[in-house]
PDB file of N, CA and C in Angstrom:
ATOM      1  N   MET A   1      15.205   5.193   8.245  1.00  0.00           N
ATOM      2  CA  MET A   1      14.642   6.406   7.715  1.00  0.00           C
ATOM      3  C   MET A   1      12.941   6.393   7.429  1.00  0.00           C
ATOM      4  N   ALA A   2      12.323   5.299   7.454  1.00  0.00           N
ATOM      5  CA  ALA A   2      10.645   5.178   7.454  1.00  0.00           C
ATOM      6  C   ALA A   2      10.341   5.718   8.658  1.00  0.00           C
ATOM      7  N   VAL A   3      11.166   5.374   9.897  1.00  0.00           N
ATOM      8  CA  VAL A   3      10.696   5.709  11.382  1.00  0.00           C
ATOM      9  C   VAL A   3      10.798   7.133  11.521  1.00  0.00           C
ATOM     10  N   ARG A   4      11.912   7.832  10.829  1.00  0.00           N
ATOM     11  CA  ARG A   4      12.102   9.265  10.965  1.00  0.00           C
ATOM     12  C   ARG A   4      11.224   9.981  10.321  1.00  0.00           C
ATOM     13  N   LEU A   5      10.904   9.692   9.214  1.00  0.00           N
ATOM     14  CA  LEU A   5       9.712  10.107   8.551  1.00  0.00           C
ATOM     15  C   LEU A   5       8.355  10.120   9.003  1.00  0.00           C
ATOM     16  N   ALA A   6       8.093   9.018   9.439  1.00  0.00           N
ATOM     17  CA  ALA A   6       6.675   8.740  10.146  1.00  0.00           C
ATOM     18  C   ALA A   6       6.820   9.649  11.534  1.00  0.00           C
ATOM     19  N   GLU A   7       7.883   9.897  12.088  1.00  0.00           N
ATOM     20  CA  GLU A   7       7.852  10.561  13.449  1.00  0.00           C
ATOM     21  C   GLU A   7       7.659  12.082  13.143  1.00  0.00           C
ATOM     22  N   HIS A   8       7.560  12.489  11.790  1.00  0.00           N
ATOM     23  CA  HIS A   8       7.259  13.959  11.286  1.00  0.00           C
ATOM     24  C   HIS A   8       5.949  14.072  10.597  1.00  0.00           C
ATOM     25  N   GLY A   9       5.215  12.803  10.913  1.00  0.00           N
ATOM     26  CA  GLY A   9       3.877  12.788  10.670  1.00  0.00           C
ATOM     27  C   GLY A   9       3.526  12.295   9.125  1.00  0.00           C
ATOM     28  N   PHE A  10       4.350  11.772   8.239  1.00  0.00           N
ATOM     29  CA  PHE A  10       4.297  11.272   7.240  1.00  0.00           C
ATOM     30  C   PHE A  10       3.789   9.794   7.029  1.00  0.00           C
ATOM     31  N   VAL A  11       2.947   9.468   6.252  1.00  0.00           N
ATOM     32  CA  VAL A  11       2.484   8.129   6.219  1.00  0.00           C
ATOM     33  C   VAL A  11       3.354   7.453   5.463  1.00  0.00           C
ATOM     34  N   VAL A  12       4.232   6.319   6.002  1.00  0.00           N
ATOM     35  CA  VAL A  12       5.330   5.497   5.413  1.00  0.00           C
ATOM     36  C   VAL A  12       4.990   4.129   5.153  1.00  0.00           C
ATOM     37  N   LEU A  13       5.026   3.657   4.067  1.00  0.00           N
ATOM     38  CA  LEU A  13       5.421   2.256   3.822  1.00  0.00           C
ATOM     39  C   LEU A  13       6.563   1.739   3.226  1.00  0.00           C
ATOM     40  N   ALA A  14       7.441   1.126   3.922  1.00  0.00           N
ATOM     41  CA  ALA A  14       8.805   0.848   3.403  1.00  0.00           C
ATOM     42  C   ALA A  14       8.337  -0.646   2.743  1.00  0.00           C
ATOM     43  N   VAL A  15       8.651  -0.985   1.583  1.00  0.00           N
ATOM     44  CA  VAL A  15       8.124  -2.176   0.665  1.00  0.00           C
ATOM     45  C   VAL A  15       9.615  -3.070   0.727  1.00  0.00           C
ATOM     46  N   ASP A  16       9.138  -4.270   0.996  1.00  0.00           N
ATOM     47  CA  ASP A  16      10.144  -5.377   1.098  1.00  0.00           C
ATOM     48  C   ASP A  16      10.267  -6.094  -0.295  1.00  0.00           C
ATOM     49  N   LEU A  17      11.147  -5.849  -1.115  1.00  0.00           N
ATOM     50  CA  LEU A  17      11.318  -6.666  -2.372  1.00  0.00           C
ATOM     51  C   LEU A  17      12.162  -7.805  -2.180  1.00  0.00           C
ATOM     52  N   PHE A  18      12.563  -8.131  -0.902  1.00  0.00           N
ATOM     53  CA  PHE A  18      13.284  -9.394  -0.912  1.00  0.00           C
ATOM     54  C   PHE A  18      12.232 -10.416  -0.351  1.00  0.00           C
ATOM     55  N   GLY A  19      11.199 -10.352   0.029  1.00  0.00           N
ATOM     56  CA  GLY A  19      10.175 -11.549   0.989  1.00  0.00           C
ATOM     57  C   GLY A  19      11.168 -11.556   2.003  1.00  0.00           C
ATOM     58  N   GLY A  20      11.551 -10.627   2.845  1.00  0.00           N
ATOM     59  CA  GLY A  20      11.926 -10.672   4.387  1.00  0.00           C
ATOM     60  C   GLY A  20      13.250 -11.553   4.370  1.00  0.00           C
ATOM     61  N   ARG A  21      13.894 -11.829   3.223  1.00  0.00           N
ATOM     62  CA  ARG A  21      15.213 -12.255   3.381  1.00  0.00           C
ATOM     63  C   ARG A  21      16.460 -11.391   3.780  1.00  0.00           C
ATOM     64  N   VAL A  22      17.174 -11.482   4.824  1.00  0.00           N
ATOM     65  CA  VAL A  22      17.964 -10.727   5.438  1.00  0.00           C
ATOM     66  C   VAL A  22      19.496 -11.173   5.238  1.00  0.00           C
ATOM     67  N   THR A  23      20.536 -10.536   4.808  1.00  0.00           N
ATOM     68  CA  THR A  23      21.679 -10.936   4.853  1.00  0.00           C
ATOM     69  C   THR A  23      22.728 -10.176   5.586  1.00  0.00           C
ATOM     70  N   GLN A  24      23.777 -10.516   6.271  1.00  0.00           N
ATOM     71  CA  GLN A  24      25.042  -9.798   6.480  1.00  0.00           C
ATOM     72  C   GLN A  24      26.288  -9.645   5.764  1.00  0.00           C
ATOM     73  N   SER A  25      26.335 -10.669   4.530  1.00  0.00           N
ATOM     74  CA  SER A  25      27.424 -11.020   3.627  1.00  0.00           C
ATOM     75  C   SER A  25      27.142 -10.051   2.476  1.00  0.00           C
ATOM     76  N   PRO A  26      27.946  -9.415   2.020  1.00  0.00           N
ATOM     77  CA  PRO A  26      27.956  -8.359   0.829  1.00  0.00           C
ATOM     78  C   PRO A  26      27.832  -9.377  -0.402  1.00  0.00           C
ATOM     79  N   ASP A  27      28.363 -10.499  -0.324  1.00  0.00           N
ATOM     80  CA  ASP A  27      28.283 -11.232  -1.660  1.00  0.00           C
ATOM     81  C   ASP A  27      26.634 -11.959  -1.730  1.00  0.00           C
ATOM     82  N   GLU A  28      26.153 -12.496  -0.814  1.00  0.00           N
ATOM     83  CA  GLU A  28      24.595 -12.868  -0.698  1.00  0.00           C
ATOM     84  C   GLU A  28      23.737 -11.518  -0.865  1.00  0.00           C
ATOM     85  N   ALA A  29      24.240 -10.411  -0.399  1.00  0.00           N
ATOM     86  CA  ALA A  29      23.268  -9.172  -0.536  1.00  0.00           C
ATOM     87  C   ALA A  29      23.332  -8.812  -2.288  1.00  0.00           C
ATOM     88  N   ARG A  30      24.322  -9.091  -2.955  1.00  0.00           N
ATOM     89  CA  ARG A  30      24.607  -8.806  -4.243  1.00  0.00           C
ATOM     90  C   ARG A  30      23.736  -9.688  -4.971  1.00  0.00           C
ATOM     91  N   GLY A  31      23.833 -11.065  -4.805  1.00  0.00           N
ATOM     92  CA  GLY A  31      23.019 -12.031  -5.163  1.00  0.00           C
ATOM     93  C   GLY A  31      21.831 -11.942  -5.301  1.00  0.00           C
ATOM     94  N   LEU A  32      20.936 -11.118  -4.266  1.00  0.00           N
ATOM     95  CA  LEU A  32      19.720 -10.679  -3.932  1.00  0.00           C
ATOM     96  C   LEU A  32      19.392  -9.881  -4.715  1.00  0.00           C
ATOM     97  N   VAL A  33      20.134  -8.756  -5.063  1.00  0.00           N
ATOM     98  CA  VAL A  33      19.889  -7.587  -6.038  1.00  0.00           C
ATOM     99  C   VAL A  33      19.966  -8.423  -7.443  1.00  0.00           C
ATOM    100  N   PHE A  34      21.038  -8.922  -7.710  1.00  0.00           N
ATOM    101  CA  PHE A  34      20.876  -9.344  -9.125  1.00  0.00           C
ATOM    102  C   PHE A  34      19.966 -10.431  -9.599  1.00  0.00           C
ATOM    103  N   GLY A  35      19.471 -10.978  -8.563  1.00  0.00           N
ATOM    104  CA  GLY A  35      18.500 -12.347  -8.519  1.00  0.00           C
ATOM    105  C   GLY A  35      17.218 -11.546  -8.663  1.00  0.00           C
ATOM    106  N   LEU A  36      16.707 -10.319  -8.434  1.00  0.00           N
ATOM    107  CA  LEU A  36      15.388  -9.725  -8.380  1.00  0.00           C
ATOM    108  C   LEU A  36      14.662  -9.919  -9.816  1.00  0.00           C
ATOM    109  N   ASP A  37      13.679 -10.188  -9.720  1.00  0.00           N
ATOM    110  CA  ASP A  37      12.814 -10.254 -10.971  1.00  0.00           C
ATOM    111  C   ASP A  37      12.115  -8.855 -11.074  1.00  0.00           C
ATOM    112  N   GLN A  38      12.865  -7.814 -11.862  1.00  0.00           N
ATOM    113  CA  GLN A  38      12.371  -6.441 -11.785  1.00  0.00           C
ATOM    114  C   GLN A  38      10.741  -6.256 -12.138  1.00  0.00           C
ATOM    115  N   GLN A  39       9.958  -7.140 -12.877  1.00  0.00           N
ATOM    116  CA  GLN A  39       8.853  -7.108 -13.198  1.00  0.00           C
ATOM    117  C   GLN A  39       7.880  -7.750 -11.983  1.00  0.00           C
ATOM    118  N   VAL A  40       8.266  -8.353 -10.969  1.00  0.00           N
ATOM    119  CA  VAL A  40       7.649  -8.668  -9.759  1.00  0.00           C
ATOM    120  C   VAL A  40       8.051  -7.510  -8.773  1.00  0.00           C
ATOM    121  N   ALA A  41       8.991  -6.807  -8.836  1.00  0.00           N
ATOM    122  CA  ALA A  41       9.372  -5.662  -7.922  1.00  0.00           C
ATOM    123  C   ALA A  41       8.743  -4.773  -8.214  1.00  0.00           C
ATOM    124  N   LEU A  42       8.581  -4.455  -9.572  1.00  0.00           N
ATOM    125  CA  LEU A  42       7.529  -3.245 -10.028  1.00  0.00           C
ATOM    126  C   LEU A  42       6.012  -3.493  -9.481  1.00  0.00           C
ATOM    127  N   LYS A  43       5.602  -4.669  -9.981  1.00  0.00           N
ATOM    128  CA  LYS A  43       4.400  -5.049  -9.422  1.00  0.00           C
ATOM    129  C   LYS A  43       4.122  -4.934  -8.008  1.00  0.00           C
ATOM    130  N   ASN A  44       4.861  -5.353  -7.178  1.00  0.00           N
ATOM    131  CA  ASN A  44       4.767  -5.143  -5.812  1.00  0.00           C
ATOM    132  C   ASN A  44       4.763  -3.343  -5.415  1.00  0.00           C
ATOM    133  N   LEU A  45       5.683  -2.631  -5.993  1.00  0.00           N
ATOM    134  CA  LEU A  45       5.820  -1.203  -5.641  1.00  0.00           C
ATOM    135  C   LEU A  45       4.300  -0.567  -6.341  1.00  0.00           C
ATOM    136  N   LYS A  46       3.767  -0.915  -7.327  1.00  0.00           N
ATOM    137  CA  LYS A  46       2.768  -0.441  -7.616  1.00  0.00           C
ATOM    138  C   LYS A  46       1.348  -0.843  -6.436  1.00  0.00           C
ATOM    139  N   ALA A  47       1.550  -1.901  -6.252  1.00  0.00           N
ATOM    140  CA  ALA A  47       0.463  -2.356  -5.387  1.00  0.00           C
ATOM    141  C   ALA A  47       0.474  -1.708  -3.806  1.00  0.00           C
ATOM    142  N   ALA A  48       1.763  -1.137  -3.580  1.00  0.00           N
ATOM    143  CA  ALA A  48       2.089  -0.424  -2.228  1.00  0.00           C
ATOM    144  C   ALA A  48       1.538   0.975  -2.477  1.00  0.00           C
ATOM    145  N   VAL A  49       1.437   1.552  -3.911  1.00  0.00           N
ATOM    146  CA  VAL A  49       0.970   2.826  -4.308  1.00  0.00           C
ATOM    147  C   VAL A  49      -0.545   2.754  -4.273  1.00  0.00           C
ATOM    148  N   SER A  50      -1.073   1.563  -4.658  1.00  0.00           N
ATOM    149  CA  SER A  50      -2.429   1.249  -4.606  1.00  0.00           C
ATOM    150  C   SER A  50      -3.187   1.284  -3.094  1.00  0.00           C
ATOM    151  N   PHE A  51      -2.284   0.427  -2.154  1.00  0.00           N
ATOM    152  CA  PHE A  51      -2.839   0.230  -1.086  1.00  0.00           C
ATOM    153  C   PHE A  51      -2.809   1.577  -0.223  1.00  0.00           C
ATOM    154  N   LEU A  52      -1.761   2.764  -0.455  1.00  0.00           N
ATOM    155  CA  LEU A  52      -1.629   3.793   0.298  1.00  0.00           C
ATOM    156  C   LEU A  52      -3.048   4.831  -0.339  1.00  0.00           C
ATOM    157  N   ARG A  53      -3.315   4.644  -1.489  1.00  0.00           N
ATOM    158  CA  ARG A  53      -4.424   5.449  -2.122  1.00  0.00           C
ATOM    159  C   ARG A  53      -5.823   4.846  -1.558  1.00  0.00           C
ATOM    160  N   GLY A  54      -5.871   3.556  -1.461  1.00  0.00           N
ATOM    161  CA  GLY A  54      -7.061   3.013  -1.469  1.00  0.00           C
ATOM    162  C   GLY A  54      -7.411   2.821   0.212  1.00  0.00           C
ATOM    163  N   GLU A  55      -6.470   2.213   0.920  1.00  0.00           N
ATOM    164  CA  GLU A  55      -6.571   1.887   2.296  1.00  0.00           C
ATOM    165  C   GLU A  55      -6.514   2.988   3.348  1.00  0.00           C
ATOM    166  N   HIS A  56      -5.754   3.897   2.789  1.00  0.00           N
ATOM    167  CA  HIS A  56      -5.342   4.993   3.583  1.00  0.00           C
ATOM    168  C   HIS A  56      -5.442   6.310   2.932  1.00  0.00           C
ATOM    169  N   GLN A  57      -6.036   6.449   1.815  1.00  0.00           N
ATOM    170  CA  GLN A  57      -6.641   7.466   1.079  1.00  0.00           C
ATOM    171  C   GLN A  57      -5.513   8.717   1.591  1.00  0.00           C
ATOM    172  N   VAL A  58      -4.306   8.190   1.214  1.00  0.00           N
ATOM    173  CA  VAL A  58      -3.163   9.517   1.024  1.00  0.00           C
ATOM    174  C   VAL A  58      -3.136   9.931  -0.154  1.00  0.00           C
ATOM    175  N   LEU A  59      -3.227  11.512  -0.036  1.00  0.00           N
ATOM    176  CA  LEU A  59      -3.451  12.170  -1.034  1.00  0.00           C
ATOM    177  C   LEU A  59      -2.054  12.471  -2.164  1.00  0.00           C
ATOM    178  N   TRP A  60      -1.037  12.697  -1.448  1.00  0.00           N
ATOM    179  CA  TRP A  60       0.248  12.730  -1.899  1.00  0.00           C
ATOM    180  C   TRP A  60       1.290  11.579  -1.895  1.00  0.00           C
ATOM    181  N   ILE A  61       1.749  11.142  -2.901  1.00  0.00           N
ATOM    182  CA  ILE A  61       2.471   9.868  -2.601  1.00  0.00           C
ATOM    183  C   ILE A  61       3.725  10.136  -3.482  1.00  0.00           C
ATOM    184  N   ALA A  62       5.132   9.867  -2.682  1.00  0.00           N
ATOM    185  CA  ALA A  62       6.076   9.788  -3.081  1.00  0.00           C
ATOM    186  C   ALA A  62       6.942   8.491  -2.849  1.00  0.00           C
ATOM    187  N   SER A  63       7.799   8.452  -3.926  1.00  0.00           N
ATOM    188  CA  SER A  63       8.807   7.167  -3.898  1.00  0.00           C
ATOM    189  C   SER A  63      10.289   7.814  -3.598  1.00  0.00           C
ATOM    190  N   LEU A  64      10.748   7.024  -2.679  1.00  0.00           N
ATOM    191  CA  LEU A  64      11.969   7.515  -1.803  1.00  0.00           C
ATOM    192  C   LEU A  64      12.940   6.380  -1.720  1.00  0.00           C
ATOM    193  N   GLY A  65      13.993   6.466  -2.177  1.00  0.00           N
ATOM    194  CA  GLY A  65      15.007   5.333  -2.103  1.00  0.00           C
ATOM    195  C   GLY A  65      16.633   5.448  -2.350  1.00  0.00           C
ATOM    196  N   TRP A  66      17.331   5.092  -1.588  1.00  0.00           N
ATOM    197  CA  TRP A  66      18.884   4.864  -1.573  1.00  0.00           C
ATOM    198  C   TRP A  66      19.346   4.107  -2.274  1.00  0.00           C
ATOM    199  N   CYS A  67      20.589   4.251  -3.067  1.00  0.00           N
ATOM    200  CA  CYS A  67      21.259   3.308  -3.779  1.00  0.00           C
ATOM    201  C   CYS A  67      20.265   2.339  -4.697  1.00  0.00           C
ATOM    202  N   PHE A  68      20.343   0.808  -4.426  1.00  0.00           N
ATOM    203  CA  PHE A  68      19.565   0.099  -4.974  1.00  0.00           C
ATOM    204  C   PHE A  68      18.259   0.419  -5.033  1.00  0.00           C
ATOM    205  N   GLY A  69      17.477   0.916  -3.754  1.00  0.00           N
ATOM    206  CA  GLY A  69      16.225   1.580  -3.670  1.00  0.00           C
ATOM    207  C   GLY A  69      15.879   2.952  -4.453  1.00  0.00           C
ATOM    208  N   GLY A  70      16.788   3.543  -4.669  1.00  0.00           N
ATOM    209  CA  GLY A  70      16.837   4.693  -5.691  1.00  0.00           C
ATOM    210  C   GLY A  70      16.790   4.177  -6.939  1.00  0.00           C
ATOM    211  N   GLY A  71      17.166   3.112  -7.333  1.00  0.00           N
ATOM    212  CA  GLY A  71      16.898   2.793  -8.698  1.00  0.00           C
ATOM    213  C   GLY A  71      15.435   2.303  -8.803  1.00  0.00           C
ATOM    214  N   GLN A  72      15.035   1.585  -7.740  1.00  0.00           N
ATOM    215  CA  GLN A  72      13.536   1.083  -7.732  1.00  0.00           C
ATOM    216  C   GLN A  72      12.742   1.907  -7.704  1.00  0.00           C
ATOM    217  N   SER A  73      13.017   3.233  -7.214  1.00  0.00           N
ATOM    218  CA  SER A  73      11.982   4.295  -6.999  1.00  0.00           C
ATOM    219  C   SER A  73      12.065   5.141  -8.468  1.00  0.00           C
ATOM    220  N   LEU A  74      13.162   5.111  -9.045  1.00  0.00           N
ATOM    221  CA  LEU A  74      13.104   5.763 -10.376  1.00  0.00           C
ATOM    222  C   LEU A  74      12.098   4.760 -11.380  1.00  0.00           C
ATOM    223  N   GLN A  75      12.484   3.574 -11.175  1.00  0.00           N
ATOM    224  CA  GLN A  75      11.596   2.647 -12.050  1.00  0.00           C
ATOM    225  C   GLN A  75      10.119   2.455 -11.932  1.00  0.00           C
ATOM    226  N   LEU A  76       9.752   2.989 -10.487  1.00  0.00           N
ATOM    227  CA  LEU A  76       8.286   3.066 -10.477  1.00  0.00           C
ATOM    228  C   LEU A  76       7.836   4.215 -11.007  1.00  0.00           C
ATOM    229  N   SER A  77       8.746   5.490 -11.124  1.00  0.00           N
ATOM    230  CA  SER A  77       8.321   6.665 -11.629  1.00  0.00           C
ATOM    231  C   SER A  77       8.176   6.522 -13.093  1.00  0.00           C
ATOM    232  N   LEU A  78       9.190   5.696 -13.512  1.00  0.00           N
ATOM    233  CA  LEU A  78       9.080   5.549 -14.933  1.00  0.00           C
ATOM    234  C   LEU A  78       8.086   4.607 -15.679  1.00  0.00           C
ATOM    235  N   SER A  79       7.571   4.065 -14.767  1.00  0.00           N
ATOM    236  CA  SER A  79       6.289   2.793 -15.067  1.00  0.00           C
ATOM    237  C   SER A  79       5.300   3.743 -15.347  1.00  0.00           C
ATOM    238  N   GLY A  80       5.144   4.969 -15.105  1.00  0.00           N
ATOM    239  CA  GLY A  80       4.010   5.552 -15.446  1.00  0.00           C
ATOM    240  C   GLY A  80       2.740   5.807 -14.263  1.00  0.00           C
ATOM    241  N   GLU A  81       3.284   5.150 -13.139  1.00  0.00           N
ATOM    242  CA  GLU A  81       2.741   5.297 -11.887  1.00  0.00           C
ATOM    243  C   GLU A  81       2.330   6.788 -11.767  1.00  0.00           C
ATOM    244  N   GLN A  82       1.230   7.225 -11.255  1.00  0.00           N
ATOM    245  CA  GLN A  82       1.089   8.586 -10.772  1.00  0.00           C
ATOM    246  C   GLN A  82       1.410   9.001  -9.485  1.00  0.00           C
ATOM    247  N   LEU A  83       2.836   9.338  -9.497  1.00  0.00           N
ATOM    248  CA  LEU A  83       3.167   9.870  -8.204  1.00  0.00           C
ATOM    249  C   LEU A  83       3.595  11.318  -8.058  1.00  0.00           C
ATOM    250  N   ASP A  84       3.547  11.948  -6.692  1.00  0.00           N
ATOM    251  CA  ASP A  84       4.065  13.525  -6.907  1.00  0.00           C
ATOM    252  C   ASP A  84       5.231  13.831  -6.556  1.00  0.00           C
ATOM    253  N   ALA A  85       5.772  12.991  -6.452  1.00  0.00           N
ATOM    254  CA  ALA A  85       7.479  13.038  -6.044  1.00  0.00           C
ATOM    255  C   ALA A  85       8.145  11.699  -6.356  1.00  0.00           C
ATOM    256  N   THR A  86       9.344  12.060  -6.688  1.00  0.00           N
ATOM    257  CA  THR A  86      10.404  10.726  -6.633  1.00  0.00           C
ATOM    258  C   THR A  86      11.537  11.298  -6.682  1.00  0.00           C
ATOM    259  N   VAL A  87      12.172  10.760  -5.296  1.00  0.00           N
ATOM    260  CA  VAL A  87      13.463  11.001  -4.593  1.00  0.00           C
ATOM    261  C   VAL A  87      14.463   9.736  -4.802  1.00  0.00           C
ATOM    262  N   ILE A  88      15.580  10.111  -5.451  1.00  0.00           N
ATOM    263  CA  ILE A  88      16.423   9.063  -5.577  1.00  0.00           C
ATOM    264  C   ILE A  88      17.792   9.390  -4.918  1.00  0.00           C
ATOM    265  N   TYR A  89      18.461   8.688  -4.257  1.00  0.00           N
ATOM    266  CA  TYR A  89      19.790   9.074  -3.806  1.00  0.00           C
ATOM    267  C   TYR A  89      20.918   8.000  -4.374  1.00  0.00           C
ATOM    268  N   TYR A  90      21.621   8.381  -5.482  1.00  0.00           N
ATOM    269  CA  TYR A  90      22.422   7.869  -6.025  1.00  0.00           C
ATOM    270  C   TYR A  90      21.921   6.179  -6.715  1.00  0.00           C
ATOM    271  N   GLY A  91      20.948   6.484  -7.302  1.00  0.00           N
ATOM    272  CA  GLY A  91      20.270   5.226  -7.828  1.00  0.00           C
ATOM    273  C   GLY A  91      20.878   5.363  -9.475  1.00  0.00           C
ATOM    274  N   ASN A  92      20.832   4.046 -10.079  1.00  0.00           N
ATOM    275  CA  ASN A  92      20.984   4.157 -11.471  1.00  0.00           C
ATOM    276  C   ASN A  92      20.052   4.799 -12.326  1.00  0.00           C
ATOM    277  N   LEU A  93      20.486   5.981 -13.121  1.00  0.00           N
ATOM    278  CA  LEU A  93      19.624   6.692 -14.091  1.00  0.00           C
ATOM    279  C   LEU A  93      19.233   5.847 -15.154  1.00  0.00           C
ATOM    280  N   GLU A  94      18.319   6.201 -16.057  1.00  0.00           N
ATOM    281  CA  GLU A  94      17.944   5.965 -17.350  1.00  0.00           C
ATOM    282  C   GLU A  94      18.502   7.270 -18.581  1.00  0.00           C
ATOM    283  N   ILE A  95      18.972   6.504 -19.505  1.00  0.00           N
ATOM    284  CA  ILE A  95      19.312   7.425 -20.485  1.00  0.00           C
ATOM    285  C   ILE A  95      18.541   7.364 -21.802  1.00  0.00           C
TER     286      ILE A  95
END
């Protein structure tokens, strides 16, 4: 999806919250998700926003994610980070 958005002229930064680890195993993927340090993940997401604002001088910034990424997008928005939009596709909602 990052490539498709970039093809339409958007500046896109896909943040890797798992340090480059990739798996084909559903059990291992679940382990990565449940083992994620949310504070570190949020710090990395905020650094990505800061990078886009500073390095690339992006004026409007949105966070977008699916499933786990949707939940992370929501967490970034709830953190108080100044975003212009937050788009979540079936992420976990806060009540």
